[in-house]
């Protein structure tokens, strides 16, 4: 969690340190200029930082359980963000690309579910708070839904022992 401008390169170096990884997947969430047919001017993010950090650490532990050996780093920004600025950056390194892509997707799905971060959207003619995380961090059904989405599965969660089988 930071109020500083997010940089992806330090996260890539962090997850790549030590070698042995044949793939690095990244995700950058940026402030868009339009939402629900409204011209967005900027966003403000707020977080309950101690709990947000714990939730991000939990997400990384969960991902390691699903995709062992995958190294993850994630930073989320708080404060005022202009159009085009990064609100979240994620890097995942693994021996193979499938695990890196899936772990990266898993992180953003779980962030949306359980990290106490709130988005205040400002647009021409008004402002609105966008609902943030609502799932209980211990809700196994929500976690499995994030695995399903990370794996691109159209229906039920993947088989036990093979997250993206």
C-alpha atoms as a PDB file:
ATOM      1  CA  UNK A   1       0.000   0.000   0.000  1.00  0.00           C
ATOM      2  CA  UNK A   2       1.402   3.374  -0.991  1.00  0.00           C
ATOM      3  CA  UNK A   3       0.452   6.899  -1.962  1.00  0.00           C
ATOM      4  CA  UNK A   4       3.417   7.028  -4.364  1.00  0.00           C
ATOM      5  CA  UNK A   5       3.196   6.510  -8.111  1.00  0.00           C
ATOM      6  CA  UNK A   6       3.367   2.766  -8.808  1.00  0.00           C
ATOM      7  CA  UNK A   7       6.264   1.278 -10.756  1.00  0.00           C
ATOM      8  CA  UNK A   8       6.132  -2.191 -12.299  1.00  0.00           C
ATOM      9  CA  UNK A   9       9.866  -2.731 -12.902  1.00  0.00           C
ATOM     10  CA  UNK A  10      10.808  -3.040  -9.198  1.00  0.00           C
ATOM     11  CA  UNK A  11       8.145  -5.734  -8.765  1.00  0.00           C
ATOM     12  CA  UNK A  12       9.432  -7.640 -11.804  1.00  0.00           C
ATOM     13  CA  UNK A  13      12.965  -7.526 -10.379  1.00  0.00           C
ATOM     14  CA  UNK A  14      11.673  -8.667  -6.984  1.00  0.00           C
ATOM     15  CA  UNK A  15       9.851 -11.741  -8.300  1.00  0.00           C
ATOM     16  CA  UNK A  16      12.595 -12.568 -10.805  1.00  0.00           C
ATOM     17  CA  UNK A  17      15.411 -12.420  -8.251  1.00  0.00           C
ATOM     18  CA  UNK A  18      17.118 -15.785  -7.946  1.00  0.00           C
ATOM     19  CA  UNK A  19      16.232 -17.070 -11.397  1.00  0.00           C
ATOM     20  CA  UNK A  20      14.633 -20.401 -12.126  1.00  0.00           C
ATOM     21  CA  UNK A  21      11.546 -18.753 -13.520  1.00  0.00           C
ATOM     22  CA  UNK A  22      10.768 -19.093 -17.204  1.00  0.00           C
ATOM     23  CA  UNK A  23       7.821 -16.724 -17.129  1.00  0.00           C
ATOM     24  CA  UNK A  24       6.846 -13.398 -15.601  1.00  0.00           C
ATOM     25  CA  UNK A  25       3.253 -12.213 -15.974  1.00  0.00           C
ATOM     26  CA  UNK A  26       2.147  -8.739 -14.962  1.00  0.00           C
ATOM     27  CA  UNK A  27      -1.053  -6.803 -14.481  1.00  0.00           C
ATOM     28  CA  UNK A  28      -1.491  -3.058 -14.243  1.00  0.00           C
ATOM     29  CA  UNK A  29      -4.888  -1.674 -13.304  1.00  0.00           C
ATOM     30  CA  UNK A  30      -5.250   1.914 -14.522  1.00  0.00           C
ATOM     31  CA  UNK A  31      -7.794   4.661 -13.962  1.00  0.00           C
ATOM     32  CA  UNK A  32     -10.089   4.786 -16.969  1.00  0.00           C
ATOM     33  CA  UNK A  33     -11.767   7.921 -18.264  1.00  0.00           C
ATOM     34  CA  UNK A  34     -15.258   6.463 -18.584  1.00  0.00           C
ATOM     35  CA  UNK A  35     -17.453   4.313 -16.349  1.00  0.00           C
ATOM     36  CA  UNK A  36     -21.162   3.607 -16.784  1.00  0.00           C
ATOM     37  CA  UNK A  37     -21.339   6.188 -19.584  1.00  0.00           C
ATOM     38  CA  UNK A  38     -19.962   8.911 -17.302  1.00  0.00           C
ATOM     39  CA  UNK A  39     -16.786  10.871 -18.037  1.00  0.00           C
ATOM     40  CA  UNK A  40     -14.533  10.134 -15.065  1.00  0.00           C
ATOM     41  CA  UNK A  41     -12.231  12.976 -13.989  1.00  0.00           C
ATOM     42  CA  UNK A  42     -10.224  11.158 -11.294  1.00  0.00           C
ATOM     43  CA  UNK A  43     -10.425   8.575  -8.504  1.00  0.00           C
ATOM     44  CA  UNK A  44      -9.555   8.597  -4.833  1.00  0.00           C
ATOM     45  CA  UNK A  45      -8.723   5.326  -3.106  1.00  0.00           C
ATOM     46  CA  UNK A  46      -8.942   4.807   0.637  1.00  0.00           C
ATOM     47  CA  UNK A  47      -7.904   1.723   2.563  1.00  0.00           C
ATOM     48  CA  UNK A  48      -7.772   0.359   6.058  1.00  0.00           C
ATOM     49  CA  UNK A  49      -4.055  -0.179   5.592  1.00  0.00           C
ATOM     50  CA  UNK A  50      -3.191  -2.662   8.398  1.00  0.00           C
ATOM     51  CA  UNK A  51      -6.010  -4.969   7.306  1.00  0.00           C
ATOM     52  CA  UNK A  52      -5.311  -4.391   3.601  1.00  0.00           C
ATOM     53  CA  UNK A  53      -1.673  -5.440   4.016  1.00  0.00           C
ATOM     54  CA  UNK A  54      -2.738  -8.588   5.896  1.00  0.00           C
ATOM     55  CA  UNK A  55      -5.258  -9.418   3.168  1.00  0.00           C
ATOM     56  CA  UNK A  56      -2.631  -8.956   0.432  1.00  0.00           C
ATOM     57  CA  UNK A  57      -0.246 -11.240   2.333  1.00  0.00           C
ATOM     58  CA  UNK A  58      -3.042 -13.815   2.681  1.00  0.00           C
ATOM     59  CA  UNK A  59      -3.730 -13.660  -1.057  1.00  0.00           C
ATOM     60  CA  UNK A  60      -0.065 -14.298  -1.851  1.00  0.00           C
ATOM     61  CA  UNK A  61      -0.034 -17.300   0.543  1.00  0.00           C
ATOM     62  CA  UNK A  62      -3.197 -18.666  -1.074  1.00  0.00           C
ATOM     63  CA  UNK A  63      -1.712 -18.290  -4.544  1.00  0.00           C
ATOM     64  CA  UNK A  64       1.431 -20.096  -3.427  1.00  0.00           C
ATOM     65  CA  UNK A  65      -0.796 -22.953  -2.287  1.00  0.00           C
ATOM     66  CA  UNK A  66      -2.478 -23.132  -5.683  1.00  0.00           C
ATOM     67  CA  UNK A  67       0.617 -22.544  -7.835  1.00  0.00           C
ATOM     68  CA  UNK A  68       3.614 -23.666  -5.723  1.00  0.00           C
ATOM     69  CA  UNK A  69       6.886 -21.998  -6.566  1.00  0.00           C
ATOM     70  CA  UNK A  70       5.234 -18.935  -8.074  1.00  0.00           C
ATOM     71  CA  UNK A  71       6.660 -15.699  -6.702  1.00  0.00           C
ATOM     72  CA  UNK A  72       4.270 -12.770  -6.339  1.00  0.00           C
ATOM     73  CA  UNK A  73       4.471  -9.057  -5.636  1.00  0.00           C
ATOM     74  CA  UNK A  74       1.576  -6.625  -5.490  1.00  0.00           C
ATOM     75  CA  UNK A  75       1.333  -2.907  -4.732  1.00  0.00           C
ATOM     76  CA  UNK A  76      -1.898  -0.906  -4.486  1.00  0.00           C
ATOM     77  CA  UNK A  77      -2.100   2.845  -4.487  1.00  0.00           C
ATOM     78  CA  UNK A  78      -4.205   5.061  -2.265  1.00  0.00           C
ATOM     79  CA  UNK A  79      -5.018   8.752  -2.530  1.00  0.00           C
ATOM     80  CA  UNK A  80      -5.929  10.787  -5.607  1.00  0.00           C
ATOM     81  CA  UNK A  81      -5.217   9.200  -9.000  1.00  0.00           C
ATOM     82  CA  UNK A  82      -5.508  10.872 -12.385  1.00  0.00           C
ATOM     83  CA  UNK A  83      -6.809   9.240 -15.549  1.00  0.00           C
ATOM     84  CA  UNK A  84      -4.251   6.727 -16.840  1.00  0.00           C
ATOM     85  CA  UNK A  85      -2.403   6.316 -13.539  1.00  0.00           C
ATOM     86  CA  UNK A  86      -1.872   2.827 -12.128  1.00  0.00           C
ATOM     87  CA  UNK A  87      -3.977   1.892  -9.124  1.00  0.00           C
ATOM     88  CA  UNK A  88      -2.532  -1.619  -8.750  1.00  0.00           C
ATOM     89  CA  UNK A  89       0.493  -3.464 -10.114  1.00  0.00           C
ATOM     90  CA  UNK A  90       1.008  -7.215  -9.849  1.00  0.00           C
ATOM     91  CA  UNK A  91       3.924  -9.382 -10.936  1.00  0.00           C
ATOM     92  CA  UNK A  92       4.021 -13.183 -10.875  1.00  0.00           C
ATOM     93  CA  UNK A  93       7.037 -15.318 -11.781  1.00  0.00           C
ATOM     94  CA  UNK A  94       6.959 -19.076 -12.211  1.00  0.00           C
ATOM     95  CA  UNK A  95       8.777 -21.822 -14.089  1.00  0.00           C
ATOM     96  CA  UNK A  96       5.971 -21.909 -16.688  1.00  0.00           C
ATOM     97  CA  UNK A  97       3.660 -19.253 -18.149  1.00  0.00           C
ATOM     98  CA  UNK A  98       0.330 -20.878 -17.262  1.00  0.00           C
ATOM     99  CA  UNK A  99       1.007 -20.636 -13.531  1.00  0.00           C
ATOM    100  CA  UNK A 100       2.290 -17.060 -13.825  1.00  0.00           C
ATOM    101  CA  UNK A 101      -0.801 -15.925 -15.738  1.00  0.00           C
ATOM    102  CA  UNK A 102      -3.199 -17.763 -13.416  1.00  0.00           C
ATOM    103  CA  UNK A 103      -1.549 -16.511 -10.232  1.00  0.00           C
ATOM    104  CA  UNK A 104      -1.577 -12.938 -11.514  1.00  0.00           C
ATOM    105  CA  UNK A 105      -5.284 -13.184 -12.367  1.00  0.00           C
ATOM    106  CA  UNK A 106      -6.009 -14.841  -9.023  1.00  0.00           C
ATOM    107  CA  UNK A 107      -4.436 -11.948  -7.140  1.00  0.00           C
ATOM    108  CA  UNK A 108      -6.606  -9.297  -8.799  1.00  0.00           C
ATOM    109  CA  UNK A 109      -9.761 -11.394  -8.339  1.00  0.00           C
ATOM    110  CA  UNK A 110      -9.046 -11.834  -4.627  1.00  0.00           C
ATOM    111  CA  UNK A 111      -8.100  -8.176  -4.177  1.00  0.00           C
ATOM    112  CA  UNK A 112     -11.569  -7.280  -5.461  1.00  0.00           C
ATOM    113  CA  UNK A 113     -13.096  -9.806  -3.043  1.00  0.00           C
ATOM    114  CA  UNK A 114     -11.341  -9.292   0.284  1.00  0.00           C
ATOM    115  CA  UNK A 115      -8.978  -6.302   0.467  1.00  0.00           C
ATOM    116  CA  UNK A 116     -10.526  -3.337   2.327  1.00  0.00           C
ATOM    117  CA  UNK A 117      -9.940  -0.681  -0.319  1.00  0.00           C
ATOM    118  CA  UNK A 118     -12.640   1.782  -1.317  1.00  0.00           C
ATOM    119  CA  UNK A 119     -12.849   3.683  -4.595  1.00  0.00           C
ATOM    120  CA  UNK A 120     -14.350   7.173  -4.752  1.00  0.00           C
ATOM    121  CA  UNK A 121     -15.120   7.998  -8.375  1.00  0.00           C
ATOM    122  CA  UNK A 122     -15.398  11.597  -9.521  1.00  0.00           C
ATOM    123  CA  UNK A 123     -17.104  12.305 -12.835  1.00  0.00           C
ATOM    124  CA  UNK A 124     -18.568  15.257 -14.682  1.00  0.00           C
ATOM    125  CA  UNK A 125     -21.612  16.255 -12.683  1.00  0.00           C
ATOM    126  CA  UNK A 126     -21.049  14.185  -9.574  1.00  0.00           C
ATOM    127  CA  UNK A 127     -19.266  11.569  -7.550  1.00  0.00           C
ATOM    128  CA  UNK A 128     -19.986   8.131  -6.159  1.00  0.00           C
ATOM    129  CA  UNK A 129     -18.384   5.551  -3.903  1.00  0.00           C
ATOM    130  CA  UNK A 130     -17.850   2.236  -5.703  1.00  0.00           C
ATOM    131  CA  UNK A 131     -18.538  -0.825  -3.569  1.00  0.00           C
ATOM    132  CA  UNK A 132     -15.334  -2.441  -2.428  1.00  0.00           C
ATOM    133  CA  UNK A 133     -14.459  -5.847  -1.051  1.00  0.00           C
ATOM    134  CA  UNK A 134     -17.424  -7.690   0.418  1.00  0.00           C
ATOM    135  CA  UNK A 135     -16.330 -11.324   0.836  1.00  0.00           C
ATOM    136  CA  UNK A 136     -15.166 -12.758   4.127  1.00  0.00           C
ATOM    137  CA  UNK A 137     -11.440 -13.589   3.733  1.00  0.00           C
ATOM    138  CA  UNK A 138     -12.181 -17.057   5.148  1.00  0.00           C
ATOM    139  CA  UNK A 139     -15.045 -17.767   2.698  1.00  0.00           C
ATOM    140  CA  UNK A 140     -13.852 -20.849   0.816  1.00  0.00           C
ATOM    141  CA  UNK A 141     -16.546 -20.528  -1.863  1.00  0.00           C
ATOM    142  CA  UNK A 142     -15.319 -17.008  -2.695  1.00  0.00           C
ATOM    143  CA  UNK A 143     -11.716 -18.237  -2.819  1.00  0.00           C
ATOM    144  CA  UNK A 144     -12.668 -21.081  -5.157  1.00  0.00           C
ATOM    145  CA  UNK A 145     -14.539 -18.620  -7.370  1.00  0.00           C
ATOM    146  CA  UNK A 146     -11.320 -16.605  -7.665  1.00  0.00           C
ATOM    147  CA  UNK A 147      -9.437 -19.797  -8.624  1.00  0.00           C
ATOM    148  CA  UNK A 148     -12.107 -20.583 -11.218  1.00  0.00           C
ATOM    149  CA  UNK A 149     -11.801 -17.110 -12.734  1.00  0.00           C
ATOM    150  CA  UNK A 150      -8.002 -17.244 -12.644  1.00  0.00           C
ATOM    151  CA  UNK A 151      -8.102 -20.477 -14.591  1.00  0.00           C
ATOM    152  CA  UNK A 152     -10.669 -19.204 -17.062  1.00  0.00           C
ATOM    153  CA  UNK A 153     -13.022 -22.055 -16.144  1.00  0.00           C
ATOM    154  CA  UNK A 154     -16.601 -21.503 -17.357  1.00  0.00           C
ATOM    155  CA  UNK A 155     -18.293 -23.410 -14.530  1.00  0.00           C
ATOM    156  CA  UNK A 156     -17.171 -25.143 -11.340  1.00  0.00           C
ATOM    157  CA  UNK A 157     -13.758 -24.780  -9.739  1.00  0.00           C
ATOM    158  CA  UNK A 158     -10.935 -26.940 -11.146  1.00  0.00           C
ATOM    159  CA  UNK A 159     -10.192 -30.359  -9.720  1.00  0.00           C
ATOM    160  CA  UNK A 160      -8.334 -30.616  -6.420  1.00  0.00           C
ATOM    161  CA  UNK A 161      -4.584 -30.879  -6.882  1.00  0.00           C
ATOM    162  CA  UNK A 162      -4.591 -29.169 -10.269  1.00  0.00           C
ATOM    163  CA  UNK A 163      -5.873 -25.596 -10.051  1.00  0.00           C
ATOM    164  CA  UNK A 164      -6.230 -25.096 -13.780  1.00  0.00           C
ATOM    165  CA  UNK A 165      -6.738 -28.669 -15.003  1.00  0.00           C
END
